[in-house]
């Protein structure tokens, strides 16, 4: 037996009637953690995505353009710990 959720069409860029992804969905799409996205926003590496205020929550809605910007930022960042210098 199929449930109601199985019959609903899944949209990639949709949070209800809002067009876009949540921060968790955006992080998964980019291949980083949500904490990494928040750090990039704090450091100014990414512009703040559109924010929607709801009665109990404040949502960031990531558009396809925001996702592409974040993917470009990810490519430019060096990964791993810096190597120790020998004295």
N, C-alpha and C. Protein backbone atom coordinates (compact mmCIF):
# COMPACT_ATOMS: atom_id res chain seq x y z
N UNK A 1 0.84 -1.18 0.00
CA UNK A 1 0.00 0.00 0.00
C UNK A 1 0.89 1.25 0.00
N UNK A 2 0.58 2.18 -0.88
CA UNK A 2 1.38 3.41 -0.94
C UNK A 2 0.80 4.45 0.00
N UNK A 3 1.71 5.20 0.58
CA UNK A 3 1.26 6.26 1.50
C UNK A 3 1.10 7.56 0.73
N UNK A 4 0.52 8.53 1.39
CA UNK A 4 0.32 9.85 0.79
C UNK A 4 1.66 10.47 0.41
N UNK A 5 2.68 10.28 1.26
CA UNK A 5 3.99 10.86 0.98
C UNK A 5 4.63 10.25 -0.25
N UNK A 6 4.38 8.98 -0.51
CA UNK A 6 4.94 8.33 -1.68
C UNK A 6 4.33 8.87 -2.98
N UNK A 7 3.10 9.34 -2.92
CA UNK A 7 2.44 9.82 -4.13
C UNK A 7 2.77 11.28 -4.43
N UNK A 8 3.27 12.01 -3.42
CA UNK A 8 3.62 13.41 -3.65
C UNK A 8 4.88 13.49 -4.50
N UNK A 9 4.92 14.45 -5.41
CA UNK A 9 6.09 14.65 -6.22
C UNK A 9 7.17 15.32 -5.37
N UNK A 10 8.38 14.81 -5.44
CA UNK A 10 9.48 15.43 -4.70
C UNK A 10 10.12 16.49 -5.59
N UNK A 11 10.21 17.70 -5.07
CA UNK A 11 10.85 18.79 -5.80
C UNK A 11 12.19 19.09 -5.16
N UNK A 12 13.20 19.28 -6.00
CA UNK A 12 14.54 19.52 -5.48
C UNK A 12 14.64 20.87 -4.78
N UNK A 13 14.10 21.90 -5.37
CA UNK A 13 14.20 23.24 -4.80
C UNK A 13 12.84 23.68 -4.29
N UNK A 14 12.38 23.09 -3.20
CA UNK A 14 11.08 23.46 -2.68
C UNK A 14 10.99 23.22 -1.19
N UNK A 15 10.67 24.24 -0.44
CA UNK A 15 10.30 24.11 0.96
C UNK A 15 8.88 24.64 1.01
N UNK A 16 7.94 23.74 0.92
CA UNK A 16 6.55 24.17 0.86
C UNK A 16 6.33 25.03 -0.38
N UNK A 17 5.79 26.22 -0.17
CA UNK A 17 5.56 27.12 -1.29
C UNK A 17 6.78 27.98 -1.56
N UNK A 18 7.79 27.92 -0.69
CA UNK A 18 9.02 28.70 -0.88
C UNK A 18 9.92 27.96 -1.85
N UNK A 19 10.49 28.66 -2.78
CA UNK A 19 11.38 28.03 -3.76
C UNK A 19 12.81 28.12 -3.24
N UNK A 20 13.41 26.98 -2.98
CA UNK A 20 14.77 26.94 -2.50
C UNK A 20 15.00 25.76 -1.59
N UNK A 21 16.21 25.68 -1.06
CA UNK A 21 16.58 24.59 -0.17
C UNK A 21 16.82 25.13 1.23
N UNK A 22 16.62 24.28 2.22
CA UNK A 22 16.99 24.64 3.58
C UNK A 22 18.51 24.56 3.68
N UNK A 23 19.06 25.02 4.79
CA UNK A 23 20.51 24.98 4.98
C UNK A 23 21.00 23.54 4.99
N UNK A 24 20.28 22.64 5.63
CA UNK A 24 20.68 21.23 5.67
C UNK A 24 20.67 20.62 4.27
N UNK A 25 19.63 20.92 3.49
CA UNK A 25 19.54 20.39 2.13
C UNK A 25 20.64 20.99 1.26
N UNK A 26 20.92 22.28 1.44
CA UNK A 26 21.97 22.95 0.66
C UNK A 26 23.33 22.34 0.99
N UNK A 27 23.60 22.11 2.27
CA UNK A 27 24.87 21.52 2.67
C UNK A 27 25.06 20.14 2.04
N UNK A 28 24.01 19.35 2.02
CA UNK A 28 24.09 18.02 1.41
C UNK A 28 24.36 18.13 -0.09
N UNK A 29 23.70 19.07 -0.74
CA UNK A 29 23.88 19.28 -2.18
C UNK A 29 25.32 19.72 -2.50
N UNK A 30 25.91 20.55 -1.64
CA UNK A 30 27.26 21.08 -1.86
C UNK A 30 28.33 20.07 -1.45
N UNK A 31 27.99 19.23 -0.47
CA UNK A 31 28.95 18.24 0.00
C UNK A 31 29.74 18.70 1.21
N UNK A 32 29.13 19.56 2.03
CA UNK A 32 29.76 20.04 3.26
C UNK A 32 28.75 19.89 4.41
N UNK A 33 29.17 20.25 5.61
CA UNK A 33 28.26 20.20 6.75
C UNK A 33 27.54 21.54 6.88
N UNK A 34 26.47 21.55 7.65
CA UNK A 34 25.75 22.82 7.89
C UNK A 34 26.65 23.78 8.65
N UNK A 35 27.48 23.28 9.56
CA UNK A 35 28.40 24.13 10.31
C UNK A 35 29.37 24.84 9.36
N UNK A 36 29.83 24.14 8.34
CA UNK A 36 30.72 24.74 7.36
C UNK A 36 30.02 25.89 6.64
N UNK A 37 28.77 25.70 6.24
CA UNK A 37 28.04 26.78 5.58
C UNK A 37 27.89 27.98 6.51
N UNK A 38 27.56 27.73 7.78
CA UNK A 38 27.43 28.83 8.73
C UNK A 38 28.78 29.55 8.91
N UNK A 39 29.88 28.81 8.94
CA UNK A 39 31.20 29.41 9.08
C UNK A 39 31.52 30.28 7.87
N UNK A 40 31.21 29.80 6.67
CA UNK A 40 31.46 30.59 5.46
C UNK A 40 30.64 31.87 5.47
N UNK A 41 29.41 31.81 5.96
CA UNK A 41 28.59 33.01 6.07
C UNK A 41 29.19 33.99 7.08
N UNK A 42 29.66 33.48 8.23
CA UNK A 42 30.26 34.33 9.26
C UNK A 42 31.54 35.00 8.76
N UNK A 43 32.34 34.27 7.97
CA UNK A 43 33.59 34.81 7.45
C UNK A 43 33.38 35.73 6.25
N UNK A 44 32.17 35.77 5.73
CA UNK A 44 31.90 36.62 4.57
C UNK A 44 32.30 36.00 3.25
N UNK A 45 32.55 34.70 3.23
CA UNK A 45 32.91 34.02 1.97
C UNK A 45 31.70 33.86 1.07
N UNK A 46 30.52 33.84 1.66
CA UNK A 46 29.27 33.72 0.92
C UNK A 46 28.34 34.86 1.33
N UNK A 47 27.58 35.39 0.38
CA UNK A 47 26.55 36.35 0.77
C UNK A 47 25.40 35.63 1.46
N UNK A 48 24.75 36.32 2.35
CA UNK A 48 23.63 35.74 3.10
C UNK A 48 22.49 35.39 2.13
N UNK A 49 22.00 34.15 2.17
CA UNK A 49 20.85 33.80 1.33
C UNK A 49 19.59 34.49 1.84
N UNK A 50 18.55 34.41 1.05
CA UNK A 50 17.27 35.02 1.43
C UNK A 50 16.79 34.42 2.74
N UNK A 51 16.30 35.26 3.62
CA UNK A 51 15.80 34.78 4.91
C UNK A 51 14.30 35.01 4.97
N UNK A 52 13.62 34.03 5.53
CA UNK A 52 12.17 34.11 5.69
C UNK A 52 11.87 33.93 7.17
N UNK A 53 11.15 34.88 7.73
CA UNK A 53 10.78 34.79 9.14
C UNK A 53 9.39 34.18 9.26
N UNK A 54 9.31 33.16 10.08
CA UNK A 54 8.04 32.52 10.39
C UNK A 54 7.81 32.70 11.88
N UNK A 55 6.62 32.44 12.37
CA UNK A 55 6.34 32.70 13.79
C UNK A 55 7.38 32.14 14.77
N UNK A 56 7.81 30.92 14.58
CA UNK A 56 8.75 30.33 15.53
C UNK A 56 10.16 30.17 14.97
N UNK A 57 10.35 30.39 13.68
CA UNK A 57 11.63 30.11 13.04
C UNK A 57 12.07 31.25 12.14
N UNK A 58 13.36 31.24 11.84
CA UNK A 58 13.96 32.16 10.87
C UNK A 58 14.72 31.27 9.89
N UNK A 59 14.22 31.12 8.68
CA UNK A 59 14.78 30.19 7.70
C UNK A 59 15.68 30.90 6.70
N UNK A 60 16.76 30.24 6.32
CA UNK A 60 17.56 30.68 5.18
C UNK A 60 17.09 29.82 4.00
N UNK A 61 16.77 30.46 2.91
CA UNK A 61 16.31 29.76 1.71
C UNK A 61 17.41 29.89 0.66
N UNK A 62 18.04 28.80 0.34
CA UNK A 62 19.17 28.77 -0.60
C UNK A 62 18.65 28.54 -2.02
N UNK A 63 18.90 29.48 -2.90
CA UNK A 63 18.49 29.35 -4.30
C UNK A 63 19.54 28.55 -5.06
N UNK A 64 19.24 28.21 -6.30
CA UNK A 64 20.20 27.49 -7.14
C UNK A 64 21.45 28.33 -7.34
N UNK A 65 21.31 29.64 -7.44
CA UNK A 65 22.45 30.54 -7.60
C UNK A 65 23.32 30.53 -6.34
N UNK A 66 22.70 30.52 -5.16
CA UNK A 66 23.45 30.43 -3.90
C UNK A 66 24.25 29.13 -3.82
N UNK A 67 23.65 28.05 -4.28
CA UNK A 67 24.31 26.74 -4.27
C UNK A 67 25.54 26.77 -5.18
N UNK A 68 25.40 27.35 -6.36
CA UNK A 68 26.52 27.43 -7.30
C UNK A 68 27.65 28.28 -6.72
N UNK A 69 27.32 29.40 -6.07
CA UNK A 69 28.35 30.23 -5.42
C UNK A 69 29.10 29.42 -4.37
N UNK A 70 28.36 28.68 -3.56
CA UNK A 70 28.98 27.90 -2.49
C UNK A 70 29.87 26.80 -3.07
N UNK A 71 29.48 26.21 -4.17
CA UNK A 71 30.31 25.18 -4.81
C UNK A 71 31.61 25.79 -5.32
N UNK A 72 31.55 27.03 -5.84
CA UNK A 72 32.77 27.72 -6.28
C UNK A 72 33.68 28.03 -5.10
N UNK A 73 33.09 28.44 -3.98
CA UNK A 73 33.88 28.72 -2.77
C UNK A 73 34.55 27.44 -2.29
N UNK A 74 33.83 26.35 -2.30
CA UNK A 74 34.38 25.06 -1.85
C UNK A 74 35.62 24.69 -2.66
N UNK A 75 35.59 24.96 -3.97
CA UNK A 75 36.73 24.61 -4.82
C UNK A 75 37.97 25.43 -4.49
N UNK A 76 37.78 26.65 -3.98
CA UNK A 76 38.93 27.54 -3.72
C UNK A 76 39.56 27.32 -2.35
N UNK A 77 38.89 26.63 -1.45
CA UNK A 77 39.38 26.47 -0.08
C UNK A 77 40.28 25.25 0.02
N UNK A 78 41.45 25.45 0.65
CA UNK A 78 42.36 24.33 0.89
C UNK A 78 41.79 23.48 2.00
N UNK A 79 41.95 22.19 1.87
CA UNK A 79 41.41 21.28 2.88
C UNK A 79 42.55 20.71 3.71
N UNK A 80 42.22 20.33 4.92
CA UNK A 80 43.19 19.68 5.80
C UNK A 80 43.95 20.66 6.67
N UNK A 81 44.77 20.12 7.55
CA UNK A 81 45.57 20.94 8.45
C UNK A 81 46.81 21.44 7.74
N UNK A 82 47.27 22.63 8.13
CA UNK A 82 48.53 23.11 7.54
C UNK A 82 49.69 22.24 8.00
N UNK A 83 50.69 22.08 7.16
CA UNK A 83 51.85 21.27 7.51
C UNK A 83 52.75 22.06 8.47
N UNK A 84 53.37 21.32 9.41
CA UNK A 84 54.29 21.95 10.34
C UNK A 84 55.59 22.28 9.64
N UNK A 85 56.13 23.45 9.97
CA UNK A 85 57.41 23.83 9.38
C UNK A 85 58.55 23.26 10.22
N UNK A 86 59.58 22.82 9.54
CA UNK A 86 60.78 22.35 10.24
C UNK A 86 61.65 23.55 10.53
N UNK A 87 62.16 23.62 11.76
CA UNK A 87 63.03 24.75 12.13
C UNK A 87 64.48 24.38 12.01
